[in-house]
Amino acid sequence: RIVRNDASGPVAEVGAGAVWGDVYEALGGSGLYAVGGGCPMVGVAGLVMNGGIAFTSRKRGLVGDSVLSFTLVFPNGTVAETGGGRSALRSALSAGGGSTLGVVWALRLRLWPAP
């Protein structure tokens, strides 16, 4: 459940088991926010994988639109990282070989200046 604010820019690196409360706690006092769930107990990866509507979606898009990259692990042990964009997950799954089954191991989310 690693969540850290990346020093290279407004990016949060979020591990597979993190919930939104972990993200908000890690960002506390940074002046940044992530487009994310309103309930702190909701899993980050689950909300992202389902698109996700947030309180700020009208201004910043769906939660899934803030994903810069996914890190996936496939049954054969292959690890793939995608670039951003709406097709990031689809392109990652196609990199896994014959199977499109993969586990989201981590993701990178774009952060925004707090209002």
Foldseek 3Di string as FASTA:
>chain_A
DDWAQDPVAQKIKFFQAAFQLVNCVRCPPVQKDAQDDPDRRHGLVVCLVVQADGPCCVPVNTNVQQWQKWWKADPVGDIDIAGHDPCRLVVRLVVRPPGSDIGGGITMGGMDGHD
